[in-house]
PDB file of N, CA and C in Angstrom:
ATOM      1  N   MET A   1       0.851  -1.162   0.000  1.00  0.00           N
ATOM      2  CA  MET A   1       0.000   0.000   0.000  1.00  0.00           C
ATOM      3  C   MET A   1       0.902   1.233   0.000  1.00  0.00           C
ATOM      4  N   VAL A   2       0.499   2.256  -0.738  1.00  0.00           N
ATOM      5  CA  VAL A   2       1.214   3.536  -0.754  1.00  0.00           C
ATOM      6  C   VAL A   2       0.229   4.622  -0.369  1.00  0.00           C
ATOM      7  N   PHE A   3       0.658   5.541   0.488  1.00  0.00           N
ATOM      8  CA  PHE A   3      -0.209   6.662   0.827  1.00  0.00           C
ATOM      9  C   PHE A   3       0.614   7.917   1.030  1.00  0.00           C
ATOM     10  N   ALA A   4      -0.049   9.057   0.885  1.00  0.00           N
ATOM     11  CA  ALA A   4       0.607  10.354   1.038  1.00  0.00           C
ATOM     12  C   ALA A   4      -0.089  11.147   2.136  1.00  0.00           C
ATOM     13  N   LEU A   5       0.705  11.803   2.958  1.00  0.00           N
ATOM     14  CA  LEU A   5       0.194  12.753   3.952  1.00  0.00           C
ATOM     15  C   LEU A   5       0.442  14.144   3.393  1.00  0.00           C
ATOM     16  N   GLU A   6      -0.614  14.937   3.272  1.00  0.00           N
ATOM     17  CA  GLU A   6      -0.511  16.245   2.636  1.00  0.00           C
ATOM     18  C   GLU A   6      -1.164  17.335   3.480  1.00  0.00           C
ATOM     19  N   PRO A   7      -0.614  17.652   4.648  1.00  0.00           N
ATOM     20  CA  PRO A   7      -1.220  18.725   5.449  1.00  0.00           C
ATOM     21  C   PRO A   7      -1.062  20.076   4.757  1.00  0.00           C
ATOM     22  N   LYS A   8      -2.114  20.874   4.790  1.00  0.00           N
ATOM     23  CA  LYS A   8      -2.118  22.210   4.186  1.00  0.00           C
ATOM     24  C   LYS A   8      -2.543  23.229   5.231  1.00  0.00           C
ATOM     25  N   LYS A   9      -2.115  24.471   5.031  1.00  0.00           N
ATOM     26  CA  LYS A   9      -2.465  25.564   5.944  1.00  0.00           C
ATOM     27  C   LYS A   9      -2.695  26.816   5.114  1.00  0.00           C
ATOM     28  N   GLY A  10      -3.820  27.471   5.345  1.00  0.00           N
ATOM     29  CA  GLY A  10      -4.087  28.752   4.710  1.00  0.00           C
ATOM     30  C   GLY A  10      -3.507  29.877   5.550  1.00  0.00           C
ATOM     31  N   ILE A  11      -2.779  30.781   4.910  1.00  0.00           N
ATOM     32  CA  ILE A  11      -2.199  31.932   5.594  1.00  0.00           C
ATOM     33  C   ILE A  11      -2.853  33.185   5.023  1.00  0.00           C
ATOM     34  N   GLU A  12      -3.515  33.927   5.890  1.00  0.00           N
ATOM     35  CA  GLU A  12      -4.255  35.113   5.469  1.00  0.00           C
ATOM     36  C   GLU A  12      -3.355  36.072   4.695  1.00  0.00           C
ATOM     37  N   ASN A  13      -3.864  36.558   3.572  1.00  0.00           N
ATOM     38  CA  ASN A  13      -3.177  37.496   2.675  1.00  0.00           C
ATOM     39  C   ASN A  13      -1.932  36.908   2.002  1.00  0.00           C
ATOM     40  N   ILE A  14      -1.709  35.623   2.157  1.00  0.00           N
ATOM     41  CA  ILE A  14      -0.561  34.965   1.522  1.00  0.00           C
ATOM     42  C   ILE A  14      -1.040  33.879   0.563  1.00  0.00           C
ATOM     43  N   GLY A  15      -1.806  32.935   1.068  1.00  0.00           N
ATOM     44  CA  GLY A  15      -2.272  31.808   0.271  1.00  0.00           C
ATOM     45  C   GLY A  15      -2.150  30.518   1.054  1.00  0.00           C
ATOM     46  N   MET A  16      -2.028  29.436   0.320  1.00  0.00           N
ATOM     47  CA  MET A  16      -1.926  28.114   0.936  1.00  0.00           C
ATOM     48  C   MET A  16      -0.477  27.639   0.918  1.00  0.00           C
ATOM     49  N   VAL A  17      -0.098  26.954   1.974  1.00  0.00           N
ATOM     50  CA  VAL A  17       1.205  26.294   2.026  1.00  0.00           C
ATOM     51  C   VAL A  17       0.972  24.858   2.471  1.00  0.00           C
ATOM     52  N   GLY A  18       1.882  23.985   2.097  1.00  0.00           N
ATOM     53  CA  GLY A  18       1.715  22.600   2.499  1.00  0.00           C
ATOM     54  C   GLY A  18       2.981  21.806   2.286  1.00  0.00           C
ATOM     55  N   ILE A  19       2.969  20.623   2.841  1.00  0.00           N
ATOM     56  CA  ILE A  19       4.055  19.673   2.648  1.00  0.00           C
ATOM     57  C   ILE A  19       3.434  18.337   2.277  1.00  0.00           C
ATOM     58  N   GLU A  20       4.237  17.471   1.718  1.00  0.00           N
ATOM     59  CA  GLU A  20       3.741  16.146   1.363  1.00  0.00           C
ATOM     60  C   GLU A  20       4.833  15.123   1.616  1.00  0.00           C
ATOM     61  N   ASN A  21       4.458  14.035   2.234  1.00  0.00           N
ATOM     62  CA  ASN A  21       5.345  12.893   2.419  1.00  0.00           C
ATOM     63  C   ASN A  21       4.618  11.652   1.932  1.00  0.00           C
ATOM     64  N   THR A  22       5.306  10.827   1.168  1.00  0.00           N
ATOM     65  CA  THR A  22       4.727   9.610   0.618  1.00  0.00           C
ATOM     66  C   THR A  22       5.388   8.401   1.273  1.00  0.00           C
ATOM     67  N   PHE A  23       4.558   7.437   1.644  1.00  0.00           N
ATOM     68  CA  PHE A  23       5.030   6.250   2.356  1.00  0.00           C
ATOM     69  C   PHE A  23       4.574   4.991   1.631  1.00  0.00           C
ATOM     70  N   VAL A  24       5.396   3.958   1.695  1.00  0.00           N
ATOM     71  CA  VAL A  24       5.005   2.629   1.241  1.00  0.00           C
ATOM     72  C   VAL A  24       4.970   1.736   2.478  1.00  0.00           C
ATOM     73  N   VAL A  25       3.915   0.933   2.568  1.00  0.00           N
ATOM     74  CA  VAL A  25       3.738   0.035   3.713  1.00  0.00           C
ATOM     75  C   VAL A  25       3.584  -1.389   3.186  1.00  0.00           C
ATOM     76  N   THR A  26       4.427  -2.273   3.696  1.00  0.00           N
ATOM     77  CA  THR A  26       4.361  -3.687   3.325  1.00  0.00           C
ATOM     78  C   THR A  26       4.236  -4.517   4.599  1.00  0.00           C
ATOM     79  N   ALA A  27       4.180  -5.813   4.440  1.00  0.00           N
ATOM     80  CA  ALA A  27       4.114  -6.701   5.606  1.00  0.00           C
ATOM     81  C   ALA A  27       5.375  -6.583   6.465  1.00  0.00           C
ATOM     82  N   GLU A  28       6.473  -6.149   5.864  1.00  0.00           N
ATOM     83  CA  GLU A  28       7.732  -6.003   6.599  1.00  0.00           C
ATOM     84  C   GLU A  28       7.850  -4.665   7.323  1.00  0.00           C
ATOM     85  N   GLY A  29       6.961  -3.722   7.039  1.00  0.00           N
ATOM     86  CA  GLY A  29       7.024  -2.416   7.705  1.00  0.00           C
ATOM     87  C   GLY A  29       6.780  -1.278   6.734  1.00  0.00           C
ATOM     88  N   GLY A  30       7.037  -0.068   7.216  1.00  0.00           N
ATOM     89  CA  GLY A  30       6.803   1.120   6.408  1.00  0.00           C
ATOM     90  C   GLY A  30       8.090   1.851   6.090  1.00  0.00           C
ATOM     91  N   GLU A  31       8.048   2.647   4.994  1.00  0.00           N
ATOM     92  CA  GLU A  31       9.221   3.415   4.585  1.00  0.00           C
ATOM     93  C   GLU A  31       8.768   4.702   3.908  1.00  0.00           C
ATOM     94  N   CYS A  32       9.388   5.802   4.282  1.00  0.00           N
ATOM     95  CA  CYS A  32       9.132   7.071   3.618  1.00  0.00           C
ATOM     96  C   CYS A  32       9.900   7.073   2.299  1.00  0.00           C
ATOM     97  N   ILE A  33       9.205   7.296   1.181  1.00  0.00           N
ATOM     98  CA  ILE A  33       9.857   7.292  -0.129  1.00  0.00           C
ATOM     99  C   ILE A  33       9.912   8.689  -0.744  1.00  0.00           C
ATOM    100  N   THR A  34       9.614   9.710   0.050  1.00  0.00           N
ATOM    101  CA  THR A  34       9.629  11.081  -0.448  1.00  0.00           C
ATOM    102  C   THR A  34      11.045  11.546  -0.749  1.00  0.00           C
ATOM    103  N   GLY A  35      11.982  11.166   0.052  1.00  0.00           N
ATOM    104  CA  GLY A  35      13.363  11.622  -0.097  1.00  0.00           C
ATOM    105  C   GLY A  35      13.925  11.953   1.265  1.00  0.00           C
ATOM    106  N   ASP A  36      15.133  12.494   1.268  1.00  0.00           N
ATOM    107  CA  ASP A  36      15.783  12.752   2.548  1.00  0.00           C
ATOM    108  C   ASP A  36      15.945  14.235   2.854  1.00  0.00           C
ATOM    109  N   ASN A  37      15.210  15.103   2.171  1.00  0.00           N
ATOM    110  CA  ASN A  37      15.277  16.543   2.431  1.00  0.00           C
ATOM    111  C   ASN A  37      14.054  16.961   3.238  1.00  0.00           C
ATOM    112  N   PRO A  38      14.172  17.077   4.572  1.00  0.00           N
ATOM    113  CA  PRO A  38      13.013  17.457   5.385  1.00  0.00           C
ATOM    114  C   PRO A  38      12.731  18.958   5.378  1.00  0.00           C
ATOM    115  N   GLY A  39      13.559  19.733   4.695  1.00  0.00           N
ATOM    116  CA  GLY A  39      13.393  21.186   4.686  1.00  0.00           C
ATOM    117  C   GLY A  39      12.318  21.651   3.720  1.00  0.00           C
ATOM    118  N   LEU A  40      12.103  22.933   3.687  1.00  0.00           N
ATOM    119  CA  LEU A  40      11.118  23.534   2.798  1.00  0.00           C
ATOM    120  C   LEU A  40      11.744  23.844   1.449  1.00  0.00           C
ATOM    121  N   ILE A  41      10.972  23.672   0.389  1.00  0.00           N
ATOM    122  CA  ILE A  41      11.420  23.988  -0.959  1.00  0.00           C
ATOM    123  C   ILE A  41      10.506  25.081  -1.495  1.00  0.00           C
ATOM    124  N   PRO A  42      11.022  26.306  -1.696  1.00  0.00           N
ATOM    125  CA  PRO A  42      10.164  27.375  -2.216  1.00  0.00           C
ATOM    126  C   PRO A  42       9.760  27.101  -3.661  1.00  0.00           C
ATOM    127  N   VAL A  43       8.501  27.369  -3.964  1.00  0.00           N
ATOM    128  CA  VAL A  43       7.978  27.228  -5.321  1.00  0.00           C
ATOM    129  C   VAL A  43       7.408  28.574  -5.723  1.00  0.00           C
ATOM    130  N   TYR A  44       7.908  29.117  -6.805  1.00  0.00           N
ATOM    131  CA  TYR A  44       7.460  30.443  -7.262  1.00  0.00           C
ATOM    132  C   TYR A  44       6.697  30.330  -8.552  1.00  0.00           C
TER     133      TYR A  44
END
């Protein structure tokens, strides 16, 4: 099974911001497959 967590937050007079992490879950356990950069990436 694969699922994504995508929390979003509206900031007044700015817009929406959010992050996303994707995980794969198997009988052996779970693993984050998003990557290893936990920081913010600006998108313009």
